[in-house]
Amino acid sequence: MKELLDDLDRWRADGKRIAVARVVDIEGSGPRDPGAAMAVSIEGEVVGSVSGGCVEGAVVTEALAVLHGERDPGIVTFGYSDDDAFAVGLTCGGTIRLFIEELDW
């Protein structure tokens, strides 16, 4: 999260709504360790990384859905056994779980 602070401060000063996605669990091989974070502004700006690139696009989509009220905050899972895993690029053979929520200033 520390690497996100400058951008989060700037977005806060601009009054932007932000969703934060955090890796909360991995099973098997995972691209990033628990604690890795990504922030997404309501305008679709992105800082940080939760997967080293392999599922970032799907995470942005989920984060924007939270900000637009199209899904509730909570756990999102991407895994090798999921039908969508290869579609979003998660080929490392593991499963990652992310908690996505709107940042409450």
C-alpha atoms as a PDB file:
ATOM      1  CA  MET A   1       0.000   0.000   0.000  1.00  0.00           C
ATOM      2  CA  LYS A   2       2.865   2.407   0.680  1.00  0.00           C
ATOM      3  CA  GLU A   3       3.634   2.767  -3.025  1.00  0.00           C
ATOM      4  CA  LEU A   4       0.022   3.901  -3.584  1.00  0.00           C
ATOM      5  CA  LEU A   5      -0.046   6.690  -1.005  1.00  0.00           C
ATOM      6  CA  ASP A   6       1.091   9.581  -3.214  1.00  0.00           C
ATOM      7  CA  ASP A   7      -1.530   8.784  -5.841  1.00  0.00           C
ATOM      8  CA  LEU A   8      -4.218   8.172  -3.218  1.00  0.00           C
ATOM      9  CA  ASP A   9      -3.458  11.544  -1.614  1.00  0.00           C
ATOM     10  CA  ARG A  10      -3.704  13.269  -5.001  1.00  0.00           C
ATOM     11  CA  TRP A  11      -6.970  11.503  -5.849  1.00  0.00           C
ATOM     12  CA  ARG A  12      -8.369  12.358  -2.428  1.00  0.00           C
ATOM     13  CA  ALA A  13      -7.498  16.036  -2.930  1.00  0.00           C
ATOM     14  CA  ASP A  14      -9.343  15.863  -6.270  1.00  0.00           C
ATOM     15  CA  GLY A  15     -12.410  14.347  -4.550  1.00  0.00           C
ATOM     16  CA  LYS A  16     -12.293  11.109  -6.531  1.00  0.00           C
ATOM     17  CA  ARG A  17     -13.999   7.899  -5.441  1.00  0.00           C
ATOM     18  CA  ILE A  18     -11.598   4.967  -5.276  1.00  0.00           C
ATOM     19  CA  ALA A  19     -11.795   1.207  -4.960  1.00  0.00           C
ATOM     20  CA  VAL A  20      -8.942  -0.770  -3.421  1.00  0.00           C
ATOM     21  CA  ALA A  21      -8.205  -4.412  -4.241  1.00  0.00           C
ATOM     22  CA  ARG A  22      -5.928  -6.358  -1.889  1.00  0.00           C
ATOM     23  CA  VAL A  23      -4.550  -9.860  -2.226  1.00  0.00           C
ATOM     24  CA  VAL A  24      -5.846 -11.662   0.855  1.00  0.00           C
ATOM     25  CA  ASP A  25      -4.928 -15.270   0.020  1.00  0.00           C
ATOM     26  CA  ILE A  26      -3.082 -17.394  -2.484  1.00  0.00           C
ATOM     27  CA  GLU A  27      -3.125 -21.128  -3.005  1.00  0.00           C
ATOM     28  CA  GLY A  28      -0.334 -22.771  -4.939  1.00  0.00           C
ATOM     29  CA  SER A  29       1.742 -20.501  -7.130  1.00  0.00           C
ATOM     30  CA  GLY A  30       0.659 -16.880  -7.124  1.00  0.00           C
ATOM     31  CA  PRO A  31       2.012 -13.819  -8.886  1.00  0.00           C
ATOM     32  CA  ARG A  32       1.942 -11.527  -5.812  1.00  0.00           C
ATOM     33  CA  ASP A  33       1.936 -12.174  -2.076  1.00  0.00           C
ATOM     34  CA  PRO A  34      -0.939 -11.335   0.278  1.00  0.00           C
ATOM     35  CA  GLY A  35      -0.947  -7.635   1.034  1.00  0.00           C
ATOM     36  CA  ALA A  36      -0.248  -6.568  -2.563  1.00  0.00           C
ATOM     37  CA  ALA A  37      -2.690  -3.809  -3.501  1.00  0.00           C
ATOM     38  CA  MET A  38      -4.154  -1.925  -6.424  1.00  0.00           C
ATOM     39  CA  ALA A  39      -6.303   1.208  -6.399  1.00  0.00           C
ATOM     40  CA  VAL A  40      -8.734   2.182  -9.147  1.00  0.00           C
ATOM     41  CA  SER A  41     -10.333   5.617  -9.454  1.00  0.00           C
ATOM     42  CA  ILE A  42     -13.901   6.097 -10.655  1.00  0.00           C
ATOM     43  CA  GLU A  43     -12.339   7.400 -13.905  1.00  0.00           C
ATOM     44  CA  GLY A  44     -10.461   4.117 -14.409  1.00  0.00           C
ATOM     45  CA  GLU A  45      -7.016   5.317 -13.364  1.00  0.00           C
ATOM     46  CA  VAL A  46      -4.951   2.515 -11.821  1.00  0.00           C
ATOM     47  CA  VAL A  47      -2.001   2.379  -9.425  1.00  0.00           C
ATOM     48  CA  GLY A  48      -0.366  -0.652  -7.870  1.00  0.00           C
ATOM     49  CA  SER A  49      -0.543  -4.293  -8.836  1.00  0.00           C
ATOM     50  CA  VAL A  50      -2.160  -7.420  -7.459  1.00  0.00           C
ATOM     51  CA  SER A  51      -1.013  -9.900 -10.054  1.00  0.00           C
ATOM     52  CA  GLY A  52       2.022  -8.647 -11.923  1.00  0.00           C
ATOM     53  CA  GLY A  53      -0.216  -8.057 -14.921  1.00  0.00           C
ATOM     54  CA  CYS A  54      -1.969 -11.396 -15.408  1.00  0.00           C
ATOM     55  CA  VAL A  55      -5.430 -10.447 -14.067  1.00  0.00           C
ATOM     56  CA  GLU A  56      -5.125  -6.692 -13.694  1.00  0.00           C
ATOM     57  CA  GLY A  57      -7.754  -5.931 -16.348  1.00  0.00           C
ATOM     58  CA  ALA A  58     -10.327  -8.184 -14.716  1.00  0.00           C
ATOM     59  CA  VAL A  59      -9.584  -6.628 -11.307  1.00  0.00           C
ATOM     60  CA  VAL A  60     -10.127  -3.120 -12.724  1.00  0.00           C
ATOM     61  CA  THR A  61     -13.484  -4.275 -14.110  1.00  0.00           C
ATOM     62  CA  GLU A  62     -14.512  -5.674 -10.712  1.00  0.00           C
ATOM     63  CA  ALA A  63     -13.320  -2.542  -8.872  1.00  0.00           C
ATOM     64  CA  LEU A  64     -15.284  -0.268 -11.194  1.00  0.00           C
ATOM     65  CA  ALA A  65     -18.354  -2.457 -10.692  1.00  0.00           C
ATOM     66  CA  VAL A  66     -18.041  -1.868  -6.929  1.00  0.00           C
ATOM     67  CA  LEU A  67     -17.739   1.897  -7.458  1.00  0.00           C
ATOM     68  CA  HIS A  68     -20.774   1.944  -9.775  1.00  0.00           C
ATOM     69  CA  GLY A  69     -22.875  -0.135  -7.374  1.00  0.00           C
ATOM     70  CA  GLU A  70     -23.070  -3.074  -9.782  1.00  0.00           C
ATOM     71  CA  ARG A  71     -21.551  -5.505  -7.263  1.00  0.00           C
ATOM     72  CA  ASP A  72     -21.067  -5.563  -3.522  1.00  0.00           C
ATOM     73  CA  PRO A  73     -17.622  -5.224  -1.959  1.00  0.00           C
ATOM     74  CA  GLY A  74     -16.086  -8.569  -1.130  1.00  0.00           C
ATOM     75  CA  ILE A  75     -13.881 -11.446  -2.170  1.00  0.00           C
ATOM     76  CA  VAL A  76     -13.123 -12.127  -5.827  1.00  0.00           C
ATOM     77  CA  THR A  77     -11.260 -15.303  -6.782  1.00  0.00           C
ATOM     78  CA  PHE A  78      -9.159 -16.065  -9.836  1.00  0.00           C
ATOM     79  CA  GLY A  79      -7.696 -19.528 -10.189  1.00  0.00           C
ATOM     80  CA  TYR A  80      -6.149 -22.002 -12.530  1.00  0.00           C
ATOM     81  CA  SER A  81      -9.201 -24.241 -12.344  1.00  0.00           C
ATOM     82  CA  ASP A  82     -11.591 -21.427 -13.218  1.00  0.00           C
ATOM     83  CA  ASP A  83     -12.893 -21.363 -16.772  1.00  0.00           C
ATOM     84  CA  ASP A  84     -11.994 -17.682 -16.897  1.00  0.00           C
ATOM     85  CA  ALA A  85      -8.426 -18.129 -15.592  1.00  0.00           C
ATOM     86  CA  PHE A  86      -6.801 -18.454 -18.994  1.00  0.00           C
ATOM     87  CA  ALA A  87      -9.057 -15.778 -20.447  1.00  0.00           C
ATOM     88  CA  VAL A  88      -7.683 -13.245 -17.960  1.00  0.00           C
ATOM     89  CA  GLY A  89      -4.156 -14.634 -18.135  1.00  0.00           C
ATOM     90  CA  LEU A  90      -3.741 -16.453 -14.800  1.00  0.00           C
ATOM     91  CA  THR A  91      -1.518 -19.275 -16.008  1.00  0.00           C
ATOM     92  CA  CYS A  92       0.744 -19.575 -12.952  1.00  0.00           C
ATOM     93  CA  GLY A  93      -1.215 -22.571 -11.701  1.00  0.00           C
ATOM     94  CA  GLY A  94      -2.462 -21.059  -8.457  1.00  0.00           C
ATOM     95  CA  THR A  95      -5.490 -19.294  -7.084  1.00  0.00           C
ATOM     96  CA  ILE A  96      -5.570 -15.719  -5.807  1.00  0.00           C
ATOM     97  CA  ARG A  97      -8.273 -14.167  -3.667  1.00  0.00           C
ATOM     98  CA  LEU A  98      -8.753 -10.422  -3.572  1.00  0.00           C
ATOM     99  CA  PHE A  99     -10.871  -8.262  -1.320  1.00  0.00           C
ATOM    100  CA  ILE A 100     -12.273  -5.306  -3.258  1.00  0.00           C
ATOM    101  CA  GLU A 101     -13.961  -2.373  -1.533  1.00  0.00           C
ATOM    102  CA  GLU A 102     -14.505   1.351  -1.943  1.00  0.00           C
ATOM    103  CA  LEU A 103     -11.992   3.385   0.032  1.00  0.00           C
ATOM    104  CA  ASP A 104     -13.739   5.232   2.845  1.00  0.00           C
ATOM    105  CA  TRP A 105     -11.962   8.547   3.415  1.00  0.00           C
END
